[in-house]
Amino acid sequence: MLAKISVAEAAKHAAEAPDQARIELVGPFVEAAARVISQECGEAVTRGQLHRVRSPQTNNDISALIAITGGVAGLVIYSLSGETALGFASRMIGEPVTELDALAQSAIAELANMITGQAGIALERNGFPSDMSPPVLLIGKGTSIATLNLTRLVVPLVVSFGQFTIDIAIKEV
């Protein structure tokens, strides 16, 4: 059994990661996100421009933070605007959602959980068995995470109703 890791420990591991992201570590998250969004929400996904960011602050209204340990260690953050979160929640629940209430928040956390679970299966196939924490949902743009001042690869995914961003800061251990 793989050890559980705290967000602070995952951030520490990711901070020590080289700047060059390895495709076998990043690809599973992007592929899983496109697959889950298509299957669960009926949305076609296109990838936006990849870039890097180094900031302790979240860049969207809602962020789901997941710590990873095992064959790789670090953090993955899925973030989206409030409007986009309502769109995803509506599609996942199967009826219009107009406020980010507990049910809508649960839907966003479950979306992050499904993506990370599928990415974890792909990581294991690539030789990196890993354990993931449950998602921690952060509400509010610019929320500062004390342990998050590390470089993250940002992968924007575009759907018909907005942008779903994956921030990846993981490394092989």
Protein backbone atom coordinates (compact mmCIF):
# COMPACT_ATOMS: atom_id res chain seq x y z
CA MET A 1 0.00 0.00 0.00
CA LEU A 2 1.25 3.47 -0.87
CA ALA A 3 1.65 6.05 1.87
CA LYS A 4 -0.76 8.97 2.09
CA ILE A 5 0.76 12.38 1.53
CA SER A 6 -0.24 15.82 2.72
CA VAL A 7 -0.63 18.78 0.38
CA ALA A 8 2.40 20.40 2.04
CA GLU A 9 4.54 17.30 1.44
CA ALA A 10 3.36 17.02 -2.15
CA ALA A 11 4.18 20.69 -2.76
CA LYS A 12 7.65 20.19 -1.28
CA HIS A 13 8.30 17.26 -3.64
CA ALA A 14 6.99 19.20 -6.63
CA ALA A 15 9.14 22.23 -5.77
CA GLU A 16 12.20 20.03 -6.19
CA ALA A 17 11.04 18.88 -9.65
CA PRO A 18 12.96 19.85 -12.76
CA ASP A 19 11.32 22.44 -14.99
CA GLN A 20 10.97 20.01 -17.88
CA ALA A 21 7.65 18.19 -17.55
CA ARG A 22 7.76 14.62 -18.80
CA ILE A 23 5.01 13.65 -21.20
CA GLU A 24 4.49 10.28 -19.47
CA LEU A 25 3.65 12.20 -16.27
CA VAL A 26 1.57 15.03 -17.76
CA GLY A 27 -0.15 13.17 -20.60
CA PRO A 28 -2.27 10.88 -18.41
CA PHE A 29 -3.96 13.88 -16.75
CA VAL A 30 -4.71 15.68 -20.02
CA GLU A 31 -5.95 12.50 -21.73
CA ALA A 32 -8.06 11.49 -18.72
CA ALA A 33 -9.59 14.97 -18.49
CA ALA A 34 -10.58 14.97 -22.17
CA ARG A 35 -12.04 11.47 -21.87
CA VAL A 36 -13.98 12.11 -18.64
CA ILE A 37 -15.32 15.49 -19.82
CA SER A 38 -16.47 13.89 -23.07
CA GLN A 39 -18.06 10.85 -21.39
CA GLU A 40 -19.61 12.53 -18.35
CA CYS A 41 -20.52 15.93 -19.80
CA GLY A 42 -20.92 15.24 -23.51
CA GLU A 43 -18.41 17.97 -24.34
CA ALA A 44 -15.74 18.05 -27.03
CA VAL A 45 -12.43 19.27 -25.59
CA THR A 46 -9.71 21.28 -27.31
CA ARG A 47 -6.39 22.10 -25.71
CA GLY A 48 -5.34 25.70 -25.26
CA GLN A 49 -1.80 27.08 -25.06
CA LEU A 50 0.41 25.39 -22.47
CA HIS A 51 2.36 27.69 -20.19
CA ARG A 52 4.08 27.74 -16.80
CA VAL A 53 3.17 29.75 -13.73
CA ARG A 54 4.89 30.20 -10.39
CA SER A 55 2.50 31.63 -7.83
CA PRO A 56 1.03 30.61 -4.48
CA GLN A 57 -2.37 31.87 -5.66
CA THR A 58 -5.15 30.11 -7.51
CA ASN A 59 -6.08 31.65 -10.83
CA ASN A 60 -9.80 30.82 -11.02
CA ASP A 61 -12.96 30.95 -8.89
CA ILE A 62 -13.02 27.24 -8.07
CA SER A 63 -9.98 24.95 -7.71
CA ALA A 64 -9.84 21.26 -6.84
CA LEU A 65 -6.45 20.43 -5.34
CA ILE A 66 -5.20 16.82 -5.29
CA ALA A 67 -1.94 15.62 -3.72
CA ILE A 68 -0.14 12.68 -5.33
CA THR A 69 2.50 10.32 -3.96
CA GLY A 70 4.04 7.00 -4.89
CA GLY A 71 5.89 6.64 -8.19
CA VAL A 72 5.37 10.37 -8.66
CA ALA A 73 4.84 13.09 -6.09
CA GLY A 74 3.35 16.54 -6.28
CA LEU A 75 0.09 18.37 -6.88
CA VAL A 76 -2.55 18.58 -9.57
CA ILE A 77 -5.02 21.46 -9.50
CA TYR A 78 -8.15 21.58 -11.65
CA SER A 79 -9.55 25.10 -11.82
CA LEU A 80 -12.42 26.89 -13.51
CA SER A 81 -14.48 30.05 -13.35
CA GLY A 82 -17.73 30.08 -11.41
CA GLU A 83 -19.74 30.17 -14.64
CA THR A 84 -17.83 27.23 -16.11
CA ALA A 85 -18.24 25.31 -12.83
CA LEU A 86 -22.02 25.78 -13.08
CA GLY A 87 -21.90 24.45 -16.65
CA PHE A 88 -19.99 21.34 -15.59
CA ALA A 89 -22.22 20.80 -12.55
CA SER A 90 -25.34 21.14 -14.74
CA ARG A 91 -24.08 18.51 -17.15
CA MET A 92 -22.97 16.12 -14.43
CA ILE A 93 -26.19 16.43 -12.43
CA GLY A 94 -28.37 16.39 -15.55
CA GLU A 95 -30.34 19.54 -14.83
CA PRO A 96 -29.62 23.28 -14.79
CA VAL A 97 -27.55 24.46 -11.82
CA THR A 98 -27.70 28.18 -11.04
CA GLU A 99 -25.66 28.40 -7.84
CA LEU A 100 -22.52 26.74 -6.58
CA ASP A 101 -24.27 25.01 -3.68
CA ALA A 102 -23.11 21.83 -1.92
CA LEU A 103 -24.44 19.57 -4.69
CA ALA A 104 -22.68 21.59 -7.42
CA GLN A 105 -19.46 21.64 -5.40
CA SER A 106 -19.72 17.87 -4.96
CA ALA A 107 -20.12 17.45 -8.73
CA ILE A 108 -16.94 19.48 -9.40
CA ALA A 109 -15.01 17.50 -6.77
CA GLU A 110 -16.26 14.25 -8.32
CA LEU A 111 -15.18 15.40 -11.80
CA ALA A 112 -11.66 16.04 -10.42
CA ASN A 113 -11.74 12.67 -8.65
CA MET A 114 -12.74 10.77 -11.81
CA ILE A 115 -10.06 12.48 -13.91
CA THR A 116 -7.35 11.83 -11.32
CA GLY A 117 -8.44 8.22 -10.87
CA GLN A 118 -8.18 7.54 -14.61
CA ALA A 119 -4.85 9.40 -14.76
CA GLY A 120 -3.62 7.24 -11.88
CA ILE A 121 -4.44 4.08 -13.85
CA ALA A 122 -2.45 5.43 -16.83
CA LEU A 123 0.46 6.44 -14.58
CA GLU A 124 0.56 2.92 -13.19
CA ARG A 125 0.59 1.47 -16.73
CA ASN A 126 3.56 3.81 -17.43
CA GLY A 127 5.41 2.37 -14.41
CA PHE A 128 4.48 5.04 -11.84
CA PRO A 129 2.04 3.51 -9.31
CA SER A 130 0.63 6.41 -7.31
CA ASP A 131 -1.81 7.27 -4.58
CA MET A 132 -4.05 10.35 -4.74
CA SER A 133 -5.66 12.34 -1.95
CA PRO A 134 -9.35 13.18 -2.14
CA PRO A 135 -9.91 16.57 -3.82
CA VAL A 136 -9.82 19.68 -1.66
CA LEU A 137 -12.14 22.31 -3.13
CA LEU A 138 -10.98 25.92 -2.87
CA ILE A 139 -13.60 28.59 -3.54
CA GLY A 140 -12.47 32.11 -4.44
CA LYS A 141 -10.13 33.48 -7.07
CA GLY A 142 -6.68 34.37 -5.80
CA THR A 143 -6.86 32.05 -2.81
CA SER A 144 -3.31 31.80 -1.54
CA ILE A 145 -1.90 28.39 -0.71
CA ALA A 146 1.20 28.82 1.44
CA THR A 147 2.89 25.67 0.12
CA LEU A 148 2.08 26.34 -3.54
CA ASN A 149 4.84 28.78 -4.53
CA LEU A 150 6.19 26.37 -7.12
CA THR A 151 6.29 26.19 -10.89
CA ARG A 152 3.25 24.50 -12.39
CA LEU A 153 2.64 23.45 -15.98
CA VAL A 154 -0.75 24.91 -16.93
CA VAL A 155 -2.84 23.01 -19.48
CA PRO A 156 -6.04 24.86 -20.48
CA LEU A 157 -8.83 22.69 -21.88
CA VAL A 158 -11.61 24.51 -23.71
CA VAL A 159 -15.23 23.32 -23.83
CA SER A 160 -18.31 25.02 -25.29
CA PHE A 161 -19.11 26.88 -22.06
CA GLY A 162 -15.67 27.85 -20.78
CA GLN A 163 -12.20 26.73 -19.84
CA PHE A 164 -11.10 23.93 -17.50
CA THR A 165 -7.48 24.35 -16.47
CA ILE A 166 -5.14 21.65 -15.19
CA ASP A 167 -2.08 22.85 -13.23
CA ILE A 168 0.45 20.03 -12.89
CA ALA A 169 3.44 20.08 -10.55
CA ILE A 170 4.62 16.49 -10.23
CA LYS A 171 7.88 14.64 -10.52
CA GLU A 172 9.13 11.10 -10.52
CA VAL A 173 10.41 9.90 -7.14
